[in-house]
Amino acid sequence: MVLPDLIESLKPVFDDTASGAEDRAFQTALTIARAFVEARSARSAAKLRAEAIVLEAIAKAGDNCILELPMGMPFRPTVVKAGADHLWFVISPRGSDWVIGGIRKSEDGFEQRADLPASWAGLTGMALEEASGVKGALFCHNGRFIAAAANRDAALALARIAVKEAELAEAGSV
């Protein structure tokens, strides 16, 4: 069902002849429709706020391959719109941790501009600290598209290592 059909279903049934039935149904539909419109408006405003923050972070990153954001937010549309093809990884705080994520090549697929190092895949805690050489490394997904660190410095260190390995891999494939 689509929203207009759902709203239509709120109309009183044919044999509801109670006084005010039409008005009550209208008020119910109005409340529901208003919630959807307000949510859509809030989401649109949030996208604009995120775009402004991401554009500022892109400018701050300069030629760096790492984009640092002050919190998790939608970033890929702005990165693409800005033509920031040099960006490979994004770091941001998440709760008490920091995350390092790749940037997908396209909206349709899961292929990343650059993957996190293969030697980190599926590792956690001490095993990831040993493999990466970064104290505070917490987790790397088997798919190598996201990792977590205990703090900003550890996240940056992991991201820098990932950039170096991606550069080596790119140079080897050329």
N, C-alpha and C. Protein backbone atom coordinates (compact mmCIF):
# COMPACT_ATOMS: atom_id res chain seq x y z
N MET A 1 0.84 -1.19 0.00
CA MET A 1 0.00 0.00 0.00
C MET A 1 0.88 1.25 0.00
N VAL A 2 0.34 2.28 -0.59
CA VAL A 2 1.03 3.57 -0.59
C VAL A 2 0.29 4.51 0.36
N LEU A 3 0.96 5.58 0.74
CA LEU A 3 0.40 6.48 1.75
C LEU A 3 -1.01 6.97 1.42
N PRO A 4 -1.30 7.42 0.20
CA PRO A 4 -2.67 7.86 -0.07
C PRO A 4 -3.72 6.77 0.20
N ASP A 5 -3.38 5.51 -0.10
CA ASP A 5 -4.31 4.42 0.17
C ASP A 5 -4.50 4.23 1.67
N LEU A 6 -3.41 4.36 2.41
CA LEU A 6 -3.51 4.22 3.87
C LEU A 6 -4.36 5.34 4.47
N ILE A 7 -4.16 6.55 4.01
CA ILE A 7 -4.95 7.69 4.49
C ILE A 7 -6.43 7.48 4.12
N GLU A 8 -6.66 7.03 2.91
CA GLU A 8 -8.03 6.77 2.45
C GLU A 8 -8.72 5.73 3.34
N SER A 9 -7.95 4.76 3.82
CA SER A 9 -8.54 3.71 4.66
C SER A 9 -9.04 4.24 6.00
N LEU A 10 -8.67 5.44 6.35
CA LEU A 10 -9.12 6.03 7.61
C LEU A 10 -10.52 6.63 7.52
N LYS A 11 -11.04 6.76 6.32
CA LYS A 11 -12.40 7.28 6.15
C LYS A 11 -13.38 6.36 6.85
N PRO A 12 -14.46 6.90 7.36
CA PRO A 12 -15.45 6.04 8.02
C PRO A 12 -16.02 5.03 7.01
N VAL A 13 -16.34 3.86 7.50
CA VAL A 13 -16.97 2.85 6.64
C VAL A 13 -18.38 3.30 6.26
N PHE A 14 -18.92 2.71 5.21
CA PHE A 14 -20.18 3.19 4.63
C PHE A 14 -21.34 3.27 5.62
N ASP A 15 -21.36 2.36 6.62
CA ASP A 15 -22.51 2.34 7.52
C ASP A 15 -22.23 2.99 8.87
N ASP A 16 -21.12 3.73 8.95
CA ASP A 16 -20.85 4.51 10.17
C ASP A 16 -21.53 5.85 10.01
N THR A 17 -22.69 5.95 10.60
CA THR A 17 -23.49 7.17 10.46
C THR A 17 -23.43 8.03 11.71
N ALA A 18 -22.52 7.71 12.60
CA ALA A 18 -22.40 8.46 13.85
C ALA A 18 -22.08 9.92 13.56
N SER A 19 -22.63 10.77 14.38
CA SER A 19 -22.38 12.20 14.23
C SER A 19 -20.89 12.49 14.42
N GLY A 20 -20.32 13.22 13.50
CA GLY A 20 -18.91 13.63 13.59
C GLY A 20 -17.93 12.58 13.11
N ALA A 21 -18.38 11.47 12.56
CA ALA A 21 -17.49 10.40 12.10
C ALA A 21 -16.52 10.91 11.03
N GLU A 22 -17.04 11.69 10.10
CA GLU A 22 -16.18 12.24 9.04
C GLU A 22 -15.12 13.17 9.63
N ASP A 23 -15.52 14.02 10.57
CA ASP A 23 -14.57 14.95 11.19
C ASP A 23 -13.50 14.21 11.98
N ARG A 24 -13.90 13.19 12.75
CA ARG A 24 -12.92 12.41 13.52
C ARG A 24 -11.94 11.70 12.58
N ALA A 25 -12.46 11.14 11.51
CA ALA A 25 -11.59 10.46 10.55
C ALA A 25 -10.63 11.45 9.92
N PHE A 26 -11.13 12.63 9.59
CA PHE A 26 -10.27 13.66 8.99
C PHE A 26 -9.17 14.06 9.97
N GLN A 27 -9.50 14.27 11.23
CA GLN A 27 -8.50 14.65 12.23
C GLN A 27 -7.45 13.56 12.41
N THR A 28 -7.89 12.31 12.40
CA THR A 28 -6.94 11.20 12.51
C THR A 28 -5.99 11.20 11.31
N ALA A 29 -6.55 11.34 10.10
CA ALA A 29 -5.74 11.36 8.88
C ALA A 29 -4.79 12.55 8.90
N LEU A 30 -5.29 13.70 9.35
CA LEU A 30 -4.47 14.91 9.41
C LEU A 30 -3.28 14.71 10.35
N THR A 31 -3.51 14.10 11.49
CA THR A 31 -2.44 13.86 12.46
C THR A 31 -1.36 12.96 11.85
N ILE A 32 -1.80 11.91 11.19
CA ILE A 32 -0.84 10.97 10.58
C ILE A 32 -0.09 11.64 9.43
N ALA A 33 -0.81 12.31 8.56
CA ALA A 33 -0.17 12.98 7.42
C ALA A 33 0.81 14.04 7.90
N ARG A 34 0.43 14.79 8.93
CA ARG A 34 1.31 15.83 9.48
C ARG A 34 2.61 15.21 9.99
N ALA A 35 2.51 14.06 10.66
CA ALA A 35 3.72 13.40 11.18
C ALA A 35 4.67 13.04 10.03
N PHE A 36 4.12 12.53 8.91
CA PHE A 36 4.97 12.19 7.77
C PHE A 36 5.59 13.43 7.14
N VAL A 37 4.82 14.47 6.99
CA VAL A 37 5.33 15.71 6.39
C VAL A 37 6.41 16.32 7.28
N GLU A 38 6.16 16.36 8.58
CA GLU A 38 7.15 16.93 9.51
C GLU A 38 8.43 16.09 9.52
N ALA A 39 8.29 14.76 9.48
CA ALA A 39 9.47 13.90 9.46
C ALA A 39 10.27 14.11 8.18
N ARG A 40 9.58 14.22 7.05
CA ARG A 40 10.26 14.45 5.78
C ARG A 40 10.99 15.79 5.78
N SER A 41 10.34 16.79 6.33
CA SER A 41 10.94 18.12 6.42
C SER A 41 12.18 18.10 7.31
N ALA A 42 12.07 17.42 8.44
CA ALA A 42 13.22 17.32 9.36
C ALA A 42 14.38 16.58 8.70
N ARG A 43 14.07 15.52 7.95
CA ARG A 43 15.12 14.75 7.27
C ARG A 43 15.79 15.60 6.20
N SER A 44 15.01 16.37 5.46
CA SER A 44 15.58 17.25 4.43
C SER A 44 16.49 18.30 5.06
N ALA A 45 16.06 18.88 6.16
CA ALA A 45 16.88 19.88 6.85
C ALA A 45 18.17 19.25 7.38
N ALA A 46 18.07 18.01 7.89
CA ALA A 46 19.25 17.32 8.41
C ALA A 46 20.25 17.04 7.28
N LYS A 47 19.75 16.67 6.10
CA LYS A 47 20.64 16.43 4.97
C LYS A 47 21.40 17.70 4.60
N LEU A 48 20.73 18.83 4.65
CA LEU A 48 21.40 20.10 4.35
C LEU A 48 22.45 20.43 5.41
N ARG A 49 22.14 20.17 6.68
CA ARG A 49 23.12 20.41 7.75
C ARG A 49 24.33 19.49 7.57
N ALA A 50 24.06 18.22 7.26
CA ALA A 50 25.16 17.27 7.05
C ALA A 50 26.01 17.70 5.86
N GLU A 51 25.38 18.15 4.80
CA GLU A 51 26.14 18.58 3.61
C GLU A 51 27.08 19.72 3.97
N ALA A 52 26.61 20.67 4.75
CA ALA A 52 27.46 21.80 5.15
C ALA A 52 28.65 21.32 5.98
N ILE A 53 28.40 20.40 6.90
CA ILE A 53 29.48 19.89 7.76
C ILE A 53 30.48 19.09 6.92
N VAL A 54 29.98 18.27 6.01
CA VAL A 54 30.87 17.45 5.18
C VAL A 54 31.70 18.33 4.24
N LEU A 55 31.07 19.34 3.65
CA LEU A 55 31.83 20.25 2.78
C LEU A 55 32.96 20.94 3.54
N GLU A 56 32.67 21.36 4.76
CA GLU A 56 33.72 21.98 5.59
C GLU A 56 34.83 20.99 5.90
N ALA A 57 34.46 19.74 6.20
CA ALA A 57 35.47 18.71 6.49
C ALA A 57 36.30 18.38 5.26
N ILE A 58 35.67 18.39 4.08
CA ILE A 58 36.40 18.13 2.83
C ILE A 58 37.43 19.24 2.62
N ALA A 59 37.03 20.48 2.83
CA ALA A 59 37.96 21.60 2.67
C ALA A 59 39.11 21.47 3.66
N LYS A 60 38.79 21.08 4.89
CA LYS A 60 39.82 20.93 5.93
C LYS A 60 40.77 19.77 5.59
N ALA A 61 40.26 18.72 4.97
CA ALA A 61 41.08 17.56 4.63
C ALA A 61 42.10 17.88 3.54
N GLY A 62 41.77 18.84 2.67
CA GLY A 62 42.68 19.17 1.58
C GLY A 62 42.93 17.97 0.70
N ASP A 63 44.20 17.64 0.47
CA ASP A 63 44.57 16.51 -0.39
C ASP A 63 44.63 15.19 0.36
N ASN A 64 44.39 15.23 1.65
CA ASN A 64 44.43 14.03 2.48
C ASN A 64 43.37 13.03 2.01
N CYS A 65 43.65 11.75 2.13
CA CYS A 65 42.71 10.69 1.73
C CYS A 65 41.73 10.34 2.84
N ILE A 66 41.89 11.00 3.99
CA ILE A 66 41.05 10.69 5.16
C ILE A 66 40.17 11.89 5.46
N LEU A 67 38.87 11.64 5.54
CA LEU A 67 37.89 12.66 5.89
C LEU A 67 37.51 12.45 7.34
N GLU A 68 37.67 13.49 8.17
CA GLU A 68 37.30 13.39 9.57
C GLU A 68 36.01 14.17 9.79
N LEU A 69 35.02 13.48 10.33
CA LEU A 69 33.73 14.10 10.63
C LEU A 69 33.52 14.15 12.14
N PRO A 70 32.77 15.14 12.63
CA PRO A 70 32.57 15.27 14.07
C PRO A 70 31.59 14.26 14.65
N MET A 71 30.85 13.54 13.79
CA MET A 71 29.90 12.52 14.22
C MET A 71 29.49 11.73 12.99
N GLY A 72 28.87 10.60 13.20
CA GLY A 72 28.35 9.84 12.08
C GLY A 72 27.23 10.63 11.40
N MET A 73 27.24 10.64 10.08
CA MET A 73 26.23 11.37 9.30
C MET A 73 26.32 10.92 7.86
N PRO A 74 25.29 11.19 7.07
CA PRO A 74 25.39 10.86 5.66
C PRO A 74 26.46 11.74 5.00
N PHE A 75 27.41 11.11 4.34
CA PHE A 75 28.52 11.88 3.76
C PHE A 75 28.74 11.59 2.28
N ARG A 76 28.42 10.39 1.84
CA ARG A 76 28.77 10.01 0.48
C ARG A 76 28.18 10.92 -0.59
N PRO A 77 26.90 11.30 -0.52
CA PRO A 77 26.37 12.19 -1.56
C PRO A 77 27.15 13.50 -1.69
N THR A 78 27.59 14.05 -0.58
CA THR A 78 28.33 15.30 -0.61
C THR A 78 29.74 15.08 -1.14
N VAL A 79 30.37 13.97 -0.76
CA VAL A 79 31.71 13.66 -1.27
C VAL A 79 31.66 13.54 -2.79
N VAL A 80 30.63 12.87 -3.30
CA VAL A 80 30.49 12.70 -4.75
C VAL A 80 30.19 14.05 -5.40
N LYS A 81 29.26 14.79 -4.82
CA LYS A 81 28.88 16.10 -5.36
C LYS A 81 30.07 17.06 -5.41
N ALA A 82 30.93 16.98 -4.40
CA ALA A 82 32.11 17.85 -4.33
C ALA A 82 33.24 17.38 -5.25
N GLY A 83 33.09 16.19 -5.81
CA GLY A 83 34.16 15.65 -6.66
C GLY A 83 35.40 15.28 -5.88
N ALA A 84 35.22 14.93 -4.62
CA ALA A 84 36.35 14.61 -3.74
C ALA A 84 36.75 13.15 -3.92
N ASP A 85 37.19 12.81 -5.11
CA ASP A 85 37.56 11.44 -5.44
C ASP A 85 38.82 10.97 -4.73
N HIS A 86 39.58 11.89 -4.19
CA HIS A 86 40.81 11.54 -3.49
C HIS A 86 40.55 10.96 -2.10
N LEU A 87 39.33 11.10 -1.59
CA LEU A 87 39.00 10.60 -0.26
C LEU A 87 38.73 9.10 -0.31
N TRP A 88 39.37 8.34 0.58
CA TRP A 88 39.23 6.89 0.62
C TRP A 88 38.58 6.40 1.90
N PHE A 89 38.86 7.09 3.02
CA PHE A 89 38.34 6.65 4.32
C PHE A 89 37.74 7.82 5.08
N VAL A 90 36.80 7.48 5.97
CA VAL A 90 36.15 8.46 6.83
C VAL A 90 36.31 7.99 8.26
N ILE A 91 36.66 8.91 9.15
CA ILE A 91 36.69 8.58 10.57
C ILE A 91 35.73 9.51 11.29
N SER A 92 35.13 8.97 12.36
CA SER A 92 34.23 9.78 13.18
C SER A 92 34.01 9.09 14.52
N PRO A 93 33.67 9.88 15.54
CA PRO A 93 33.36 9.27 16.82
C PRO A 93 32.01 8.55 16.76
N ARG A 94 31.90 7.47 17.54
CA ARG A 94 30.66 6.73 17.66
C ARG A 94 30.57 6.26 19.11
N GLY A 95 29.76 6.93 19.87
CA GLY A 95 29.70 6.61 21.29
C GLY A 95 31.04 6.89 21.93
N SER A 96 31.59 5.89 22.61
CA SER A 96 32.90 6.07 23.25
C SER A 96 34.04 5.65 22.33
N ASP A 97 33.73 5.11 21.15
CA ASP A 97 34.74 4.66 20.20
C ASP A 97 34.82 5.60 19.00
N TRP A 98 35.73 5.29 18.11
CA TRP A 98 35.83 5.96 16.81
C TRP A 98 35.74 4.88 15.74
N VAL A 99 35.14 5.22 14.62
CA VAL A 99 35.06 4.27 13.51
C VAL A 99 35.85 4.78 12.32
N ILE A 100 36.37 3.83 11.56
CA ILE A 100 37.07 4.10 10.31
C ILE A 100 36.27 3.34 9.25
N GLY A 101 35.76 4.06 8.30
CA GLY A 101 34.97 3.41 7.26
C GLY A 101 35.47 3.76 5.89
N GLY A 102 35.26 2.84 4.98
CA GLY A 102 35.58 3.11 3.59
C GLY A 102 34.47 3.92 2.93
N ILE A 103 34.75 4.40 1.75
CA ILE A 103 33.76 5.14 0.96
C ILE A 103 33.44 4.28 -0.25
N ARG A 104 32.17 3.94 -0.41
CA ARG A 104 31.76 3.09 -1.52
C ARG A 104 32.00 3.80 -2.86
N LYS A 105 32.37 3.00 -3.86
CA LYS A 105 32.60 3.54 -5.20
C LYS A 105 31.30 4.01 -5.84
N SER A 106 30.21 3.30 -5.58
CA SER A 106 28.93 3.70 -6.17
C SER A 106 27.81 3.47 -5.16
N GLU A 107 26.71 4.09 -5.40
CA GLU A 107 25.54 3.96 -4.53
C GLU A 107 24.97 2.55 -4.61
N ASP A 108 25.15 1.90 -5.75
CA ASP A 108 24.52 0.62 -5.99
C ASP A 108 25.27 -0.58 -5.41
N GLY A 109 26.57 -0.48 -5.26
CA GLY A 109 27.35 -1.63 -4.83
C GLY A 109 28.02 -1.44 -3.49
N PHE A 110 28.79 -2.44 -3.14
CA PHE A 110 29.50 -2.39 -1.85
C PHE A 110 31.01 -2.22 -2.04
N GLU A 111 31.48 -2.18 -3.28
CA GLU A 111 32.91 -2.03 -3.52
C GLU A 111 33.39 -0.68 -3.01
N GLN A 112 34.50 -0.72 -2.28
CA GLN A 112 35.05 0.48 -1.66
C GLN A 112 36.10 1.13 -2.55
N ARG A 113 36.30 2.41 -2.37
CA ARG A 113 37.39 3.10 -3.07
C ARG A 113 38.72 2.48 -2.66
N ALA A 114 38.83 2.10 -1.40
CA ALA A 114 40.00 1.41 -0.87
C ALA A 114 39.52 0.55 0.30
N ASP A 115 40.10 -0.62 0.43
CA ASP A 115 39.75 -1.52 1.53
C ASP A 115 40.74 -1.34 2.68
N LEU A 116 40.28 -1.67 3.86
CA LEU A 116 41.20 -1.75 4.99
C LEU A 116 42.12 -2.95 4.74
N PRO A 117 43.29 -2.97 5.35
CA PRO A 117 44.26 -4.04 5.09
C PRO A 117 43.70 -5.45 5.31
N ALA A 118 44.06 -6.35 4.41
CA ALA A 118 43.59 -7.74 4.49
C ALA A 118 44.04 -8.41 5.79
N SER A 119 45.21 -8.03 6.28
CA SER A 119 45.73 -8.65 7.50
C SER A 119 44.92 -8.29 8.75
N TRP A 120 44.01 -7.32 8.63
CA TRP A 120 43.18 -6.93 9.76
C TRP A 120 41.81 -7.61 9.76
N ALA A 121 41.43 -8.21 8.67
CA ALA A 121 40.07 -8.74 8.49
C ALA A 121 39.65 -9.66 9.63
N GLY A 122 38.57 -9.30 10.28
CA GLY A 122 37.99 -10.14 11.32
C GLY A 122 38.69 -10.10 12.66
N LEU A 123 39.71 -9.28 12.80
CA LEU A 123 40.46 -9.25 14.07
C LEU A 123 39.82 -8.31 15.08
N THR A 124 40.04 -8.61 16.35
CA THR A 124 39.56 -7.76 17.44
C THR A 124 40.64 -7.63 18.50
N GLY A 125 40.51 -6.58 19.31
CA GLY A 125 41.36 -6.39 20.48
C GLY A 125 42.84 -6.54 20.23
N MET A 126 43.47 -7.32 21.08
CA MET A 126 44.93 -7.49 21.03
C MET A 126 45.41 -8.00 19.67
N ALA A 127 44.65 -8.90 19.07
CA ALA A 127 45.05 -9.45 17.77
C ALA A 127 45.13 -8.33 16.73
N LEU A 128 44.16 -7.41 16.75
CA LEU A 128 44.19 -6.29 15.80
C LEU A 128 45.29 -5.30 16.17
N GLU A 129 45.49 -5.07 17.46
CA GLU A 129 46.59 -4.18 17.89
C GLU A 129 47.92 -4.73 17.38
N GLU A 130 48.13 -6.03 17.51
CA GLU A 130 49.39 -6.64 17.06
C GLU A 130 49.52 -6.58 15.54
N ALA A 131 48.44 -6.89 14.83
CA ALA A 131 48.50 -6.90 13.36
C ALA A 131 48.71 -5.51 12.78
N SER A 132 48.12 -4.51 13.44
CA SER A 132 48.19 -3.14 12.91
C SER A 132 49.34 -2.34 13.51
N GLY A 133 49.76 -2.73 14.70
CA GLY A 133 50.76 -1.96 15.42
C GLY A 133 50.17 -0.72 16.08
N VAL A 134 48.84 -0.67 16.21
CA VAL A 134 48.17 0.50 16.78
C VAL A 134 47.49 0.13 18.10
N LYS A 135 47.98 0.75 19.18
CA LYS A 135 47.35 0.56 20.48
C LYS A 135 45.99 1.25 20.45
N GLY A 136 44.97 0.52 20.87
CA GLY A 136 43.61 1.07 20.85
C GLY A 136 42.80 0.61 19.66
N ALA A 137 43.40 -0.21 18.79
CA ALA A 137 42.63 -0.80 17.69
C ALA A 137 41.68 -1.82 18.31
N LEU A 138 40.40 -1.77 17.96
CA LEU A 138 39.42 -2.62 18.61
C LEU A 138 38.83 -3.72 17.73
N PHE A 139 38.55 -3.41 16.47
CA PHE A 139 37.79 -4.33 15.64
C PHE A 139 37.96 -3.98 14.17
N CYS A 140 38.02 -4.98 13.33
CA CYS A 140 37.96 -4.78 11.88
C CYS A 140 37.02 -5.84 11.30
N HIS A 141 36.04 -5.39 10.57
CA HIS A 141 35.07 -6.30 9.96
C HIS A 141 35.76 -7.21 8.94
N ASN A 142 35.25 -8.43 8.81
CA ASN A 142 35.79 -9.37 7.81
C ASN A 142 35.76 -8.79 6.41
N GLY A 143 34.76 -7.95 6.12
CA GLY A 143 34.63 -7.34 4.80
C GLY A 143 35.58 -6.18 4.56
N ARG A 144 36.29 -5.77 5.62
CA ARG A 144 37.32 -4.72 5.53
C ARG A 144 36.78 -3.35 5.11
N PHE A 145 35.54 -3.07 5.41
CA PHE A 145 34.97 -1.77 5.07
C PHE A 145 34.78 -0.89 6.29
N ILE A 146 34.93 -1.46 7.49
CA ILE A 146 34.78 -0.68 8.71
C ILE A 146 35.65 -1.28 9.81
N ALA A 147 36.18 -0.39 10.64
CA ALA A 147 36.96 -0.80 11.80
C ALA A 147 36.63 0.16 12.93
N ALA A 148 37.00 -0.23 14.14
CA ALA A 148 36.75 0.62 15.30
C ALA A 148 38.04 0.76 16.09
N ALA A 149 38.14 1.91 16.75
CA ALA A 149 39.31 2.20 17.59
C ALA A 149 38.82 2.85 18.88
N ALA A 150 39.65 2.78 19.89
CA ALA A 150 39.28 3.29 21.21
C ALA A 150 39.23 4.81 21.27
N ASN A 151 39.97 5.48 20.37
CA ASN A 151 40.03 6.94 20.42
C ASN A 151 40.42 7.50 19.05
N ARG A 152 40.41 8.81 18.97
CA ARG A 152 40.70 9.49 17.70
C ARG A 152 42.11 9.19 17.19
N ASP A 153 43.09 9.25 18.09
CA ASP A 153 44.47 9.02 17.66
C ASP A 153 44.64 7.62 17.07
N ALA A 154 44.04 6.63 17.70
CA ALA A 154 44.12 5.26 17.19
C ALA A 154 43.39 5.15 15.85
N ALA A 155 42.25 5.81 15.73
CA ALA A 155 41.50 5.78 14.47
C ALA A 155 42.31 6.41 13.34
N LEU A 156 42.92 7.55 13.63
CA LEU A 156 43.76 8.21 12.62
C LEU A 156 44.95 7.34 12.24
N ALA A 157 45.57 6.72 13.23
CA ALA A 157 46.72 5.85 12.94
C ALA A 157 46.30 4.69 12.04
N LEU A 158 45.17 4.06 12.35
CA LEU A 158 44.67 2.96 11.52
C LEU A 158 44.37 3.45 10.10
N ALA A 159 43.72 4.60 10.02
CA ALA A 159 43.36 5.14 8.70
C ALA A 159 44.61 5.46 7.89
N ARG A 160 45.62 6.01 8.53
CA ARG A 160 46.87 6.34 7.81
C ARG A 160 47.56 5.08 7.30
N ILE A 161 47.56 4.05 8.11
CA ILE A 161 48.15 2.77 7.67
C ILE A 161 47.34 2.22 6.50
N ALA A 162 46.03 2.29 6.60
CA ALA A 162 45.16 1.80 5.52
C ALA A 162 45.42 2.56 4.22
N VAL A 163 45.62 3.87 4.32
CA VAL A 163 45.92 4.67 3.13
C VAL A 163 47.24 4.22 2.51
N LYS A 164 48.25 4.05 3.34
CA LYS A 164 49.56 3.61 2.82
C LYS A 164 49.45 2.27 2.12
N GLU A 165 48.74 1.32 2.73
CA GLU A 165 48.60 0.00 2.11
C GLU A 165 47.78 0.09 0.82
N ALA A 166 46.77 0.92 0.81
CA ALA A 166 45.95 1.09 -0.40
C ALA A 166 46.78 1.73 -1.51
N GLU A 167 47.63 2.68 -1.15
CA GLU A 167 48.50 3.31 -2.16
C GLU A 167 49.46 2.28 -2.75
N LEU A 168 50.02 1.43 -1.88
CA LEU A 168 50.92 0.36 -2.36
C LEU A 168 50.17 -0.61 -3.27
N ALA A 169 48.97 -0.97 -2.87
CA ALA A 169 48.16 -1.90 -3.68
C ALA A 169 47.82 -1.27 -5.03
N GLU A 170 47.49 0.02 -5.01
CA GLU A 170 47.15 0.73 -6.26
C GLU A 170 48.38 0.83 -7.16
N ALA A 171 49.53 1.12 -6.58
CA ALA A 171 50.77 1.23 -7.36
C ALA A 171 51.14 -0.12 -7.96
N GLY A 172 50.87 -1.18 -7.24
CA GLY A 172 51.18 -2.53 -7.73
C GLY A 172 50.26 -2.99 -8.83
N SER A 173 49.06 -2.41 -8.89
CA SER A 173 48.09 -2.84 -9.91
C SER A 173 48.17 -1.98 -11.17
N VAL A 174 48.97 -0.93 -11.14
CA VAL A 174 49.09 -0.05 -12.30
C VAL A 174 50.15 -0.52 -13.25
